[in-house]
Amino acid sequence: MSFLGKGKKQDLLVVCEELGEKVDHLSKVPEIKKVIVGSESYDEIEVKVMLDRIIEERLRNEDNEKQEAREKNKRGTERHLLVVPEKYLNQMMTYCHERAASHLGIAKTKDALFKTFYWPNCYREVEAFVKSCDLCQRVGKPQDKKKAPIKLVPVITELFAKINVDAVGPLPVTPSGNKYLITAVCMSSKYPDEIPVENLKSTSIIDALLQVFSRMGFPKELQTDQGTSFTSSLTTEFLERFGIKVVRSSVYHPQSNPVERMHRTLKRILRVLCLESGPDWEKILPPALFALRTVTHDSTGFTPAELVHGRNLKTPVMLLYDKLTEEDQEEDCVVNYLFELMNRMEKCQELAIRNMEHAKEKQKLWYDKKSVERQFKPGDLVLVVASSKPTKLSVHWIGPGETEDEEEIPVLECVDKSKGSKLCELLEETRLKSKLSEAQQNQLEKLLNHYSELFSNEPGCTDLAKHDIELEEDKPIIAKPYRMSPRQTEILKAEVNKMLELNVIERGDSDFTSPLIHVEVPGKDPRPCIDYRRLNKVTRTQYFPIPNIEELIEKVSSAKYISVLI
């Protein structure tokens, strides 16, 4: 009830009207508060949100009234304003906003315009005009965008059915050589686990996941971010073989993975413990995990250990309590103990699910406090936030784009006349047909036959590119050929003769020589390779700028067919 004190009497009267309560306007503030609290429709959280909205609207109206009063009698002098005809309004606002105010914003545009001009409802029309300015919207900060209402994620009712995984690091290197942490959290019990690893290679990730699964079991669903360690072909195949469904977090939106929030808590614990015990964080990781497993989670209302093991783990505080209050007690029957444990775990799980649902609803209510429900129709023009900017002066938004489908995730077509590029948001379910029609098949076959030389199995040569190798010294690198068996020698001779016939290689008189080796892989044809290791040691490193992936995607997005090298 204390939160009602921040509202004025007029705000509380509006709250009573929205709750359906009739109150005399001459009533005092304490009486109005009692009416609000005693209302049948009273809910503390909803009334808080309602009161904040009413106060915000009142303050905004008061600011507008003050601005109008200042403009009517600025500096205490009487001014004569010209009324702008309706047909010239758009031109006048365009001139004052783009030329006189240089796109500075609503307040500056009003200041430039209302010194000499006026028309009915001018304040609202100027605000709407400035907000719809195309250039201002593109340059505007991405943080200015309004939030959309949050969508609740279903509560996981089965222990270890869904596990969220992420990586933390790089951290200071420990004596054992580890500098990363693989974090795993059960989404039902919030039970955490941490595995130190040396690097973020796919093999290290798989070894860490096996350790996690040995404690938690193999889950039905695993959520990760889109890091290359988790999206690699090796990791993907490993998870597919065990029938684990993989869910990827949204790009540039780490909030979709709750394990990110636990990282902040874990880092804070490690930072404090390292301050006392030294920089070896791997040694103090078990106490940190013990603390996370034995504290009550806000969403579930229970400790993670209690939901997993059916009882709280013995902490030093509990051991001290037991020591001070210990009494001679008879041991319970094993069967009774097991039944009590099973019943307790079942009740704890039911209460935890109920608490998580309540916590999610509460979080949604507070998150949606200032959210705006947005709906797009096919043909609407929208702007798309630019996830990366090449330069400091690049705009924050790209577009405008035209929505094509009315979906929860709109499909956008961004029209850029200068580049002709398109940017689209992919849907999970596509409406493309799995098979081409007969006419489409004939058209594709005709196209492939026309460019059949591009799909030849015989390698060719090109003069479009030239590769220069810069050396640190001019001394020729001469390496003796390796000793080989007669069979390997015959295979290499046949390969060399074949490449000479295809004009892929030519005879040379260079002083540089590197040995030819023979590589055999089970199930594949043998292939020749050249050992350039000695040459690579004296090769001068050349640095090239890393291309912007998003720019490359935009370049190829307009193509109908895209081919890749495997």
Protein backbone atom coordinates (compact mmCIF):
# COMPACT_ATOMS: atom_id res chain seq x y z
CA MET A 1 0.00 0.00 0.00
CA SER A 2 2.99 2.33 0.53
CA PHE A 3 3.45 2.72 -3.24
CA LEU A 4 0.17 4.71 -3.38
CA GLY A 5 1.98 7.60 -1.67
CA LYS A 6 3.82 8.59 -4.86
CA GLY A 7 0.57 9.53 -6.60
CA LYS A 8 -1.37 12.75 -6.22
CA LYS A 9 -5.04 12.91 -5.33
CA GLN A 10 -6.06 13.26 -8.96
CA ASP A 11 -4.01 10.14 -9.83
CA LEU A 12 -5.71 8.10 -7.08
CA LEU A 13 -9.13 9.23 -8.30
CA VAL A 14 -8.34 7.95 -11.79
CA VAL A 15 -7.24 4.60 -10.27
CA CYS A 16 -10.60 4.35 -8.47
CA GLU A 17 -12.44 4.99 -11.74
CA GLU A 18 -10.48 2.24 -13.55
CA LEU A 19 -11.17 -0.17 -10.67
CA GLY A 20 -14.90 0.62 -10.92
CA GLU A 21 -15.12 2.30 -7.52
CA LYS A 22 -17.16 5.49 -6.99
CA VAL A 23 -15.47 8.08 -4.79
CA ASP A 24 -16.49 11.60 -3.87
CA HIS A 25 -13.99 14.09 -5.32
CA LEU A 26 -14.06 15.94 -1.99
CA SER A 27 -12.76 12.85 -0.13
CA LYS A 28 -9.35 13.02 1.48
CA VAL A 29 -6.35 11.04 0.26
CA PRO A 30 -6.34 8.43 3.12
CA GLU A 31 -10.01 7.66 2.43
CA ILE A 32 -9.32 7.21 -1.29
CA LYS A 33 -6.44 4.82 -0.51
CA LYS A 34 -8.72 2.69 1.70
CA VAL A 35 -11.26 2.48 -1.14
CA ILE A 36 -8.54 1.31 -3.56
CA VAL A 37 -7.16 -1.36 -1.19
CA GLY A 38 -10.65 -2.58 -0.28
CA SER A 39 -11.76 -2.93 -3.89
CA GLU A 40 -12.68 -6.42 -5.13
CA SER A 41 -10.55 -5.82 -8.25
CA TYR A 42 -7.49 -4.82 -6.20
CA ASP A 43 -4.24 -6.55 -7.13
CA GLU A 44 -1.05 -4.95 -5.82
CA ILE A 45 1.09 -5.53 -8.93
CA GLU A 46 -1.64 -4.47 -11.39
CA VAL A 47 -2.43 -1.33 -9.38
CA LYS A 48 1.29 -0.43 -9.30
CA VAL A 49 1.51 -0.66 -13.09
CA MET A 50 -1.76 1.26 -13.45
CA LEU A 51 -0.60 4.07 -11.12
CA ASP A 52 2.76 4.42 -12.89
CA ARG A 53 0.99 4.76 -16.23
CA ILE A 54 -1.43 7.39 -14.90
CA ILE A 55 1.40 9.43 -13.33
CA GLU A 56 3.41 9.26 -16.55
CA GLU A 57 0.45 10.52 -18.61
CA ARG A 58 -0.19 13.38 -16.16
CA LEU A 59 3.45 14.50 -16.21
CA ARG A 60 3.52 14.42 -20.00
CA ASN A 61 0.37 16.54 -20.22
CA GLU A 62 1.77 19.01 -17.68
CA ASP A 63 4.97 19.36 -19.73
CA ASN A 64 2.96 20.08 -22.87
CA GLU A 65 0.89 22.70 -21.06
CA LYS A 66 4.02 24.38 -19.70
CA GLN A 67 5.58 24.39 -23.16
CA GLU A 68 2.47 26.00 -24.64
CA ALA A 69 2.45 28.62 -21.88
CA ARG A 70 6.11 29.43 -22.50
CA GLU A 71 5.54 29.78 -26.23
CA LYS A 72 2.51 32.03 -25.75
CA ASN A 73 4.35 34.49 -23.54
CA LYS A 74 8.07 33.95 -24.05
CA ARG A 75 10.39 36.46 -22.33
CA GLY A 76 7.31 38.38 -21.15
CA THR A 77 6.75 40.01 -24.56
CA GLU A 78 3.67 39.90 -26.75
CA ARG A 79 4.29 38.36 -30.15
CA HIS A 80 2.18 38.22 -33.30
CA LEU A 81 2.28 34.83 -35.08
CA LEU A 82 1.30 34.02 -38.63
CA VAL A 83 -1.23 31.23 -39.17
CA VAL A 84 -0.01 28.77 -41.81
CA PRO A 85 -2.57 27.66 -44.43
CA GLU A 86 -3.30 23.95 -44.38
CA LYS A 87 -1.90 23.29 -47.85
CA TYR A 88 1.53 24.65 -46.81
CA LEU A 89 1.81 22.81 -43.49
CA ASN A 90 3.90 19.91 -44.78
CA GLN A 91 6.32 22.20 -46.61
CA MET A 92 6.70 24.45 -43.56
CA MET A 93 7.38 21.54 -41.19
CA THR A 94 9.84 20.02 -43.68
CA TYR A 95 11.77 23.29 -43.98
CA CYS A 96 11.89 23.96 -40.21
CA HIS A 97 12.90 20.41 -39.31
CA GLU A 98 15.39 19.64 -42.09
CA ARG A 99 16.89 23.08 -42.77
CA ALA A 100 16.36 25.33 -39.75
CA ALA A 101 16.70 22.63 -37.05
CA SER A 102 19.01 20.27 -39.01
CA HIS A 103 17.12 17.17 -37.80
CA LEU A 104 17.79 18.05 -34.14
CA GLY A 105 14.51 16.71 -32.77
CA ILE A 106 11.00 17.65 -31.64
CA ALA A 107 11.89 20.42 -29.16
CA LYS A 108 14.31 22.21 -31.52
CA THR A 109 11.90 21.95 -34.44
CA LYS A 110 9.14 23.50 -32.32
CA ASP A 111 11.51 26.24 -31.23
CA ALA A 112 12.41 27.09 -34.83
CA LEU A 113 8.80 26.97 -36.05
CA PHE A 114 6.67 28.50 -33.30
CA LYS A 115 8.65 31.70 -32.99
CA THR A 116 6.78 33.07 -35.98
CA PHE A 117 4.11 30.56 -37.08
CA TYR A 118 1.10 28.82 -35.57
CA TRP A 119 -1.93 26.69 -36.55
CA PRO A 120 -4.46 24.60 -34.63
CA ASN A 121 -3.10 21.31 -33.18
CA CYS A 122 0.37 22.35 -34.30
CA TYR A 123 2.18 20.67 -31.38
CA ARG A 124 0.77 17.21 -32.09
CA GLU A 125 1.33 17.50 -35.83
CA VAL A 126 4.96 18.58 -35.41
CA GLU A 127 5.63 15.69 -33.01
CA ALA A 128 4.10 13.20 -35.46
CA PHE A 129 6.06 14.71 -38.37
CA VAL A 130 9.44 14.53 -36.58
CA LYS A 131 8.79 10.98 -35.37
CA SER A 132 8.05 9.89 -38.95
CA CYS A 133 11.18 11.52 -40.44
CA ASP A 134 12.98 8.81 -42.44
CA LEU A 135 16.53 10.10 -41.86
CA CYS A 136 15.99 10.63 -38.12
CA GLN A 137 14.64 7.11 -37.75
CA ARG A 138 17.64 5.57 -39.51
CA VAL A 139 20.19 7.50 -37.46
CA GLY A 140 18.28 7.07 -34.18
CA LYS A 141 19.86 4.92 -31.50
CA PRO A 142 18.77 1.25 -31.38
CA GLN A 143 18.17 1.68 -27.64
CA ASP A 144 15.29 4.02 -28.48
CA LYS A 145 13.18 1.17 -29.83
CA LYS A 146 10.20 0.15 -27.71
CA LYS A 147 9.99 -3.32 -26.27
CA ALA A 148 7.48 -5.83 -27.53
CA PRO A 149 5.54 -7.87 -24.94
CA ILE A 150 7.55 -10.82 -23.68
CA LYS A 151 6.51 -14.36 -24.57
CA LEU A 152 6.65 -16.92 -21.80
CA VAL A 153 8.73 -20.06 -22.25
CA PRO A 154 6.93 -23.27 -21.19
CA VAL A 155 7.91 -24.53 -17.75
CA ILE A 156 9.99 -27.73 -17.89
CA THR A 157 8.39 -30.25 -15.52
CA GLU A 158 10.85 -33.16 -15.93
CA LEU A 159 14.27 -33.10 -14.28
CA PHE A 160 17.18 -32.83 -16.75
CA ALA A 161 14.80 -32.98 -19.73
CA LYS A 162 16.21 -29.67 -20.96
CA ILE A 163 19.75 -28.45 -20.27
CA ASN A 164 21.13 -25.06 -21.24
CA VAL A 165 24.85 -24.96 -22.04
CA ASP A 166 27.27 -22.09 -22.61
CA ALA A 167 30.97 -21.23 -22.31
CA VAL A 168 32.66 -18.75 -19.96
CA GLY A 169 36.05 -17.26 -20.69
CA PRO A 170 38.79 -16.74 -21.38
CA LEU A 171 39.73 -16.77 -17.68
CA PRO A 172 43.26 -16.68 -16.20
CA VAL A 173 45.11 -19.88 -17.10
CA THR A 174 45.20 -22.35 -14.19
CA PRO A 175 48.20 -24.59 -13.35
CA SER A 176 46.43 -27.44 -15.18
CA GLY A 177 46.20 -25.30 -18.34
CA ASN A 178 42.45 -24.61 -18.29
CA LYS A 179 41.11 -21.15 -19.12
CA TYR A 180 37.45 -21.79 -20.06
CA LEU A 181 34.37 -23.10 -18.27
CA ILE A 182 31.54 -25.08 -19.86
CA THR A 183 28.38 -24.21 -17.93
CA ALA A 184 25.30 -26.45 -17.83
CA VAL A 185 22.02 -25.72 -16.02
CA CYS A 186 18.92 -27.92 -15.70
CA MET A 187 15.91 -25.80 -16.65
CA SER A 188 13.58 -27.69 -14.31
CA SER A 189 15.58 -27.71 -11.06
CA LYS A 190 18.12 -24.91 -11.90
CA TYR A 191 20.86 -27.39 -10.91
CA PRO A 192 24.22 -26.04 -12.19
CA ASP A 193 27.39 -27.81 -13.29
CA GLU A 194 30.75 -26.41 -14.44
CA ILE A 195 33.47 -28.22 -16.40
CA PRO A 196 36.92 -26.55 -16.83
CA VAL A 197 38.42 -26.98 -20.32
CA GLU A 198 41.64 -25.95 -22.04
CA ASN A 199 40.06 -24.53 -25.20
CA LEU A 200 36.74 -24.30 -27.04
CA LYS A 201 37.47 -26.88 -29.73
CA SER A 202 34.69 -29.29 -30.62
CA THR A 203 36.52 -32.20 -28.99
CA SER A 204 36.81 -30.28 -25.70
CA ILE A 205 33.11 -29.35 -25.84
CA ILE A 206 32.10 -32.98 -26.42
CA ASP A 207 34.30 -34.22 -23.54
CA ALA A 208 32.73 -31.62 -21.24
CA LEU A 209 29.20 -32.56 -22.35
CA LEU A 210 29.92 -36.22 -21.64
CA GLN A 211 30.95 -35.29 -18.09
CA VAL A 212 27.73 -33.29 -17.69
CA PHE A 213 25.61 -36.13 -19.06
CA SER A 214 27.32 -38.61 -16.72
CA ARG A 215 25.86 -36.61 -13.80
CA MET A 216 22.59 -35.35 -15.24
CA GLY A 217 21.79 -38.00 -17.82
CA PHE A 218 21.17 -37.45 -21.53
CA PRO A 219 18.56 -34.69 -22.00
CA LYS A 220 15.78 -34.51 -24.56
CA GLU A 221 16.66 -30.92 -25.46
CA LEU A 222 19.86 -28.89 -25.33
CA GLN A 223 19.99 -25.11 -25.79
CA THR A 224 23.20 -23.32 -26.77
CA ASP A 225 24.21 -20.07 -28.39
CA GLN A 226 25.43 -19.91 -31.99
CA GLY A 227 29.13 -20.15 -31.19
CA THR A 228 31.17 -22.18 -33.66
CA SER A 229 32.11 -24.68 -30.94
CA PHE A 230 28.44 -25.66 -30.52
CA THR A 231 27.41 -25.41 -34.18
CA SER A 232 30.33 -27.38 -35.65
CA SER A 233 29.58 -30.52 -37.64
CA LEU A 234 31.31 -32.73 -35.04
CA THR A 235 29.27 -31.39 -32.11
CA THR A 236 26.05 -31.47 -34.13
CA GLU A 237 26.60 -35.08 -35.20
CA PHE A 238 27.46 -36.08 -31.61
CA LEU A 239 24.15 -34.67 -30.32
CA GLU A 240 22.17 -36.13 -33.22
CA ARG A 241 23.50 -39.64 -32.55
CA PHE A 242 22.08 -39.50 -29.03
CA GLY A 243 18.74 -38.13 -30.27
CA ILE A 244 19.14 -34.78 -28.50
CA LYS A 245 17.15 -31.89 -29.96
CA VAL A 246 19.33 -28.77 -30.26
CA VAL A 247 17.85 -25.28 -29.80
CA ARG A 248 19.92 -22.22 -30.76
CA SER A 249 19.62 -18.89 -28.96
CA SER A 250 18.69 -15.83 -30.99
CA VAL A 251 21.54 -13.84 -32.51
CA TYR A 252 22.48 -10.69 -30.54
CA HIS A 253 19.96 -11.65 -27.84
CA PRO A 254 21.69 -13.52 -24.99
CA GLN A 255 18.63 -13.01 -22.75
CA SER A 256 17.03 -16.00 -24.48
CA ASN A 257 19.48 -18.30 -22.64
CA PRO A 258 18.98 -18.14 -18.83
CA VAL A 259 22.44 -19.59 -18.24
CA GLU A 260 23.86 -16.16 -19.15
CA ARG A 261 22.44 -14.75 -15.90
CA MET A 262 24.12 -17.48 -13.89
CA HIS A 263 27.45 -16.52 -15.46
CA ARG A 264 27.29 -13.14 -13.75
CA THR A 265 26.65 -14.74 -10.36
CA LEU A 266 29.38 -17.35 -10.89
CA LYS A 267 31.96 -14.76 -11.95
CA ARG A 268 31.19 -12.67 -8.90
CA ILE A 269 31.66 -15.67 -6.58
CA LEU A 270 34.94 -16.65 -8.25
CA ARG A 271 36.16 -13.05 -8.12
CA VAL A 272 35.54 -12.87 -4.36
CA LEU A 273 37.05 -16.29 -3.60
CA CYS A 274 40.10 -15.61 -5.80
CA LEU A 275 40.68 -12.41 -3.87
CA GLU A 276 41.11 -14.52 -0.73
CA SER A 277 42.69 -17.72 -2.09
CA GLY A 278 44.72 -16.64 -5.13
CA PRO A 279 44.21 -16.72 -8.90
CA ASP A 280 43.70 -20.50 -9.22
CA TRP A 281 39.95 -20.40 -9.84
CA GLU A 282 39.79 -24.11 -10.71
CA LYS A 283 40.69 -25.00 -7.12
CA ILE A 284 37.84 -22.92 -5.68
CA LEU A 285 35.26 -23.99 -8.28
CA PRO A 286 33.77 -26.80 -6.09
CA PRO A 287 32.92 -24.40 -3.20
CA ALA A 288 31.34 -22.00 -5.69
CA LEU A 289 29.21 -24.78 -7.18
CA PHE A 290 28.26 -25.98 -3.70
CA ALA A 291 27.02 -22.49 -2.87
CA LEU A 292 24.94 -22.26 -6.06
CA ARG A 293 23.37 -25.67 -5.43
CA THR A 294 22.41 -25.01 -1.80
CA VAL A 295 20.79 -21.57 -2.03
CA THR A 296 17.09 -21.12 -2.70
CA HIS A 297 16.27 -20.14 -6.27
CA ASP A 298 13.78 -17.28 -6.66
CA SER A 299 11.81 -19.00 -9.44
CA THR A 300 11.37 -22.44 -7.86
CA GLY A 301 11.34 -21.54 -4.17
CA PHE A 302 13.65 -24.51 -3.45
CA THR A 303 17.36 -25.18 -3.61
CA PRO A 304 18.54 -27.03 -6.77
CA ALA A 305 19.99 -29.80 -4.60
CA GLU A 306 16.65 -30.34 -2.84
CA LEU A 307 14.79 -30.78 -6.14
CA VAL A 308 17.41 -33.23 -7.45
CA HIS A 309 18.27 -35.25 -4.33
CA GLY A 310 15.04 -34.84 -2.38
CA ARG A 311 16.78 -33.15 0.55
CA ASN A 312 19.03 -30.22 1.26
CA LEU A 313 22.77 -30.82 1.24
CA LYS A 314 24.48 -30.49 4.60
CA THR A 315 26.16 -27.11 4.79
CA PRO A 316 28.61 -26.07 7.55
CA VAL A 317 25.82 -24.02 9.13
CA MET A 318 23.49 -27.03 9.21
CA LEU A 319 26.24 -29.23 10.66
CA LEU A 320 26.74 -26.71 13.44
CA TYR A 321 23.00 -26.62 14.07
CA ASP A 322 22.80 -30.44 14.23
CA LYS A 323 25.74 -30.54 16.62
CA LEU A 324 24.10 -28.08 18.97
CA THR A 325 20.68 -29.77 18.88
CA GLU A 326 21.61 -33.44 18.49
CA GLU A 327 19.61 -35.95 20.52
CA ASP A 328 19.49 -39.70 20.67
CA GLN A 329 16.89 -40.73 18.11
CA GLU A 330 15.84 -44.12 16.93
CA GLU A 331 16.67 -44.95 13.34
CA ASP A 332 13.66 -45.02 11.00
CA CYS A 333 12.82 -48.03 8.93
CA VAL A 334 14.48 -47.98 5.49
CA VAL A 335 11.16 -48.55 3.70
CA ASN A 336 9.49 -45.65 5.53
CA TYR A 337 12.45 -43.42 4.74
CA LEU A 338 12.25 -44.25 1.01
CA PHE A 339 8.51 -43.56 0.87
CA GLU A 340 8.95 -40.28 2.71
CA LEU A 341 11.77 -39.30 0.34
CA MET A 342 9.69 -40.10 -2.76
CA ASN A 343 6.69 -38.18 -1.44
CA ARG A 344 8.87 -35.23 -0.51
CA MET A 345 10.51 -35.09 -3.95
CA GLU A 346 7.11 -35.25 -5.67
CA LYS A 347 5.69 -32.44 -3.51
CA CYS A 348 8.80 -30.33 -3.98
CA GLN A 349 8.60 -30.75 -7.75
CA GLU A 350 4.91 -29.75 -7.82
CA LEU A 351 5.57 -26.68 -5.69
CA ALA A 352 8.61 -25.74 -7.78
CA ILE A 353 6.58 -25.91 -11.02
CA ARG A 354 3.85 -23.78 -9.46
CA ASN A 355 6.39 -21.25 -8.19
CA MET A 356 8.13 -21.05 -11.59
CA GLU A 357 4.83 -20.40 -13.37
CA HIS A 358 3.98 -17.67 -10.86
CA ALA A 359 7.47 -16.16 -11.19
CA LYS A 360 7.22 -16.13 -15.01
CA GLU A 361 3.85 -14.39 -14.88
CA LYS A 362 5.25 -11.81 -12.46
CA GLN A 363 8.31 -11.21 -14.67
CA LYS A 364 6.08 -10.85 -17.74
CA LEU A 365 3.86 -8.32 -15.97
CA TRP A 366 6.82 -6.13 -15.04
CA TYR A 367 8.56 -6.56 -18.41
CA ASP A 368 5.40 -5.68 -20.36
CA LYS A 369 4.88 -2.56 -18.25
CA LYS A 370 6.13 -0.26 -21.02
CA SER A 371 5.93 -2.68 -23.93
CA VAL A 372 4.03 -1.99 -27.13
CA GLU A 373 2.14 -4.67 -29.06
CA ARG A 374 3.15 -4.30 -32.70
CA GLN A 375 1.30 -5.79 -35.63
CA PHE A 376 2.43 -5.64 -39.23
CA LYS A 377 0.36 -6.04 -42.35
CA PRO A 378 1.68 -7.04 -45.78
CA GLY A 379 2.96 -3.90 -47.45
CA ASP A 380 3.84 -1.98 -44.26
CA LEU A 381 7.16 -0.11 -44.36
CA VAL A 382 9.48 -0.84 -41.43
CA LEU A 383 13.11 -0.26 -40.45
CA VAL A 384 15.48 -3.06 -39.39
CA VAL A 385 18.15 -2.50 -36.74
CA ALA A 386 21.70 -2.83 -38.09
CA SER A 387 23.54 -5.39 -35.98
CA SER A 388 26.95 -4.00 -36.99
CA LYS A 389 28.23 -0.67 -38.30
CA PRO A 390 31.25 -0.38 -40.64
CA THR A 391 32.09 3.18 -39.49
CA LYS A 392 31.23 5.60 -36.70
CA LEU A 393 29.00 7.62 -39.02
CA SER A 394 26.99 4.64 -40.28
CA VAL A 395 23.28 4.66 -39.52
CA HIS A 396 21.76 2.46 -36.82
CA TRP A 397 18.84 1.32 -38.97
CA ILE A 398 18.55 0.01 -42.52
CA GLY A 399 15.57 0.06 -44.83
CA PRO A 400 12.83 0.91 -45.26
CA GLY A 401 11.65 -2.66 -45.76
CA GLU A 402 8.28 -3.89 -46.91
CA THR A 403 6.62 -6.72 -44.97
CA GLU A 404 5.57 -9.58 -47.23
CA ASP A 405 3.75 -11.95 -44.87
CA GLU A 406 1.69 -11.39 -41.74
CA GLU A 407 3.57 -13.70 -39.38
CA GLU A 408 4.82 -13.56 -35.78
CA ILE A 409 8.28 -13.24 -37.34
CA PRO A 410 7.67 -10.95 -40.33
CA VAL A 411 9.37 -11.68 -43.65
CA LEU A 412 10.94 -8.41 -44.76
CA GLU A 413 12.12 -7.23 -48.15
CA CYS A 414 14.45 -4.24 -47.71
CA VAL A 415 14.59 -2.12 -50.85
CA ASP A 416 17.96 -0.44 -51.39
CA LYS A 417 17.99 1.22 -54.82
CA SER A 418 21.72 1.93 -54.65
CA LYS A 419 22.76 -1.66 -54.01
CA GLY A 420 19.70 -3.67 -54.92
CA SER A 421 20.22 -5.86 -51.85
CA LYS A 422 17.60 -7.62 -49.81
CA LEU A 423 17.55 -8.58 -46.15
CA CYS A 424 15.16 -11.27 -45.01
CA GLU A 425 14.33 -12.83 -41.64
CA LEU A 426 14.13 -16.61 -41.95
CA LEU A 427 11.08 -18.47 -40.69
CA GLU A 428 11.35 -21.84 -38.98
CA GLU A 429 8.74 -23.31 -41.33
CA THR A 430 9.01 -22.49 -45.00
CA ARG A 431 6.26 -22.77 -47.57
CA LEU A 432 8.63 -23.80 -50.35
CA LYS A 433 7.68 -27.06 -52.02
CA SER A 434 9.97 -30.02 -51.44
CA LYS A 435 9.97 -30.89 -55.19
CA LEU A 436 10.22 -28.78 -58.33
CA SER A 437 7.53 -28.92 -60.99
CA GLU A 438 8.28 -30.59 -64.32
CA ALA A 439 8.67 -27.21 -66.04
CA GLN A 440 11.07 -26.04 -63.34
CA GLN A 441 13.08 -29.26 -63.63
CA ASN A 442 13.41 -28.80 -67.39
CA GLN A 443 14.44 -25.17 -66.93
CA LEU A 444 17.08 -26.10 -64.37
CA GLU A 445 18.41 -28.98 -66.52
CA LYS A 446 18.70 -26.65 -69.52
CA LEU A 447 20.63 -24.13 -67.43
CA LEU A 448 23.02 -26.77 -66.08
CA ASN A 449 23.68 -28.18 -69.55
CA HIS A 450 24.44 -24.69 -70.87
CA TYR A 451 27.16 -24.26 -68.24
CA SER A 452 28.26 -27.91 -68.14
CA GLU A 453 31.96 -26.97 -68.36
CA LEU A 454 31.68 -25.47 -64.88
CA PHE A 455 30.77 -28.88 -63.46
CA SER A 456 33.54 -30.85 -65.14
CA ASN A 457 35.48 -33.40 -63.07
CA GLU A 458 38.69 -32.30 -64.76
CA PRO A 459 40.41 -29.37 -63.01
CA GLY A 460 41.17 -26.28 -65.04
CA CYS A 461 43.34 -23.16 -64.78
CA THR A 462 42.56 -19.47 -64.51
CA ASP A 463 44.49 -16.28 -65.15
CA LEU A 464 42.12 -14.12 -63.09
CA ALA A 465 44.24 -14.34 -59.94
CA LYS A 466 47.95 -14.49 -59.19
CA HIS A 467 49.54 -15.68 -55.96
CA ASP A 468 52.90 -14.25 -54.87
CA ILE A 469 54.94 -15.75 -52.01
CA GLU A 470 57.18 -13.23 -50.24
CA LEU A 471 60.21 -14.70 -48.43
CA GLU A 472 62.21 -13.26 -45.56
CA GLU A 473 65.48 -14.22 -47.32
CA ASP A 474 66.52 -14.84 -50.95
CA LYS A 475 68.36 -18.09 -50.24
CA PRO A 476 66.72 -21.00 -52.17
CA ILE A 477 65.01 -23.69 -50.13
CA ILE A 478 66.21 -27.11 -51.26
CA ALA A 479 64.80 -30.27 -49.68
CA LYS A 480 65.62 -33.83 -50.65
CA PRO A 481 62.81 -36.16 -51.79
CA TYR A 482 61.53 -38.72 -49.31
CA ARG A 483 62.13 -42.41 -49.75
CA MET A 484 59.06 -44.31 -51.02
CA SER A 485 58.04 -47.81 -51.93
CA PRO A 486 57.87 -48.82 -55.62
CA ARG A 487 54.05 -48.85 -55.47
CA GLN A 488 53.90 -45.30 -54.09
CA THR A 489 56.45 -44.10 -56.66
CA GLU A 490 54.34 -45.49 -59.53
CA ILE A 491 51.18 -43.82 -58.16
CA LEU A 492 52.95 -40.45 -57.88
CA LYS A 493 54.39 -40.74 -61.40
CA ALA A 494 50.93 -41.47 -62.79
CA GLU A 495 49.45 -38.46 -60.96
CA VAL A 496 52.23 -36.13 -62.19
CA ASN A 497 51.81 -37.31 -65.81
CA LYS A 498 48.05 -36.82 -65.56
CA MET A 499 48.44 -33.23 -64.28
CA LEU A 500 50.94 -32.49 -67.07
CA GLU A 501 48.41 -33.71 -69.66
CA LEU A 502 45.71 -31.49 -68.14
CA ASN A 503 48.08 -28.49 -68.14
CA VAL A 504 47.53 -28.05 -64.41
CA ILE A 505 51.30 -28.06 -63.80
CA GLU A 506 54.34 -27.37 -65.98
CA ARG A 507 58.02 -28.22 -65.88
CA GLY A 508 60.16 -25.55 -64.20
CA ASP A 509 63.81 -24.72 -63.69
CA SER A 510 63.53 -23.09 -60.22
CA ASP A 511 66.22 -23.61 -57.58
CA PHE A 512 63.51 -24.19 -54.97
CA THR A 513 62.55 -27.82 -54.36
CA SER A 514 60.10 -29.37 -51.92
CA PRO A 515 59.50 -33.11 -51.54
CA LEU A 516 56.41 -34.80 -52.89
CA ILE A 517 54.60 -37.09 -50.44
CA HIS A 518 51.89 -39.69 -50.82
CA VAL A 519 48.76 -39.47 -48.62
CA GLU A 520 46.47 -42.47 -48.24
CA VAL A 521 43.16 -42.36 -46.38
CA PRO A 522 41.12 -45.56 -45.82
CA GLY A 523 38.17 -45.67 -48.22
CA LYS A 524 39.53 -42.90 -50.49
CA ASP A 525 41.85 -42.73 -53.48
CA PRO A 526 45.50 -41.87 -52.72
CA ARG A 527 46.49 -38.28 -53.43
CA PRO A 528 49.84 -36.49 -53.82
CA CYS A 529 50.82 -33.56 -51.60
CA ILE A 530 53.87 -31.30 -51.41
CA ASP A 531 55.66 -30.76 -48.11
CA TYR A 532 56.14 -26.98 -47.91
CA ARG A 533 57.05 -26.85 -44.22
CA ARG A 534 60.61 -25.59 -44.79
CA LEU A 535 59.34 -22.99 -47.24
CA ASN A 536 56.63 -21.86 -44.83
CA LYS A 537 59.23 -21.16 -42.13
CA VAL A 538 60.82 -18.38 -44.21
CA THR A 539 57.59 -17.08 -45.75
CA ARG A 540 56.71 -13.51 -44.76
CA THR A 541 53.26 -13.33 -43.14
CA GLN A 542 50.77 -11.25 -45.10
CA TYR A 543 47.82 -9.70 -43.30
CA PHE A 544 44.47 -9.23 -44.98
CA PRO A 545 41.32 -7.61 -43.55
CA ILE A 546 38.67 -10.04 -42.37
CA PRO A 547 35.53 -9.60 -44.51
CA ASN A 548 32.28 -8.55 -42.87
CA ILE A 549 30.05 -11.64 -42.92
CA GLU A 550 26.82 -9.65 -42.96
CA GLU A 551 27.97 -7.62 -45.97
CA LEU A 552 28.83 -10.82 -47.83
CA ILE A 553 25.40 -12.24 -47.02
CA GLU A 554 23.75 -9.10 -48.34
CA LYS A 555 25.74 -9.39 -51.60
CA VAL A 556 24.64 -12.96 -52.28
CA SER A 557 21.10 -12.57 -50.91
CA SER A 558 19.75 -11.40 -54.28
CA ALA A 559 21.04 -14.50 -56.11
CA LYS A 560 18.64 -17.28 -57.04
CA TYR A 561 21.28 -20.02 -56.76
CA ILE A 562 24.21 -20.12 -54.34
CA SER A 563 27.04 -22.67 -54.63
CA VAL A 564 29.64 -23.48 -51.98
CA LEU A 565 33.00 -25.24 -51.97
CA ILE A 566 33.08 -28.35 -49.77
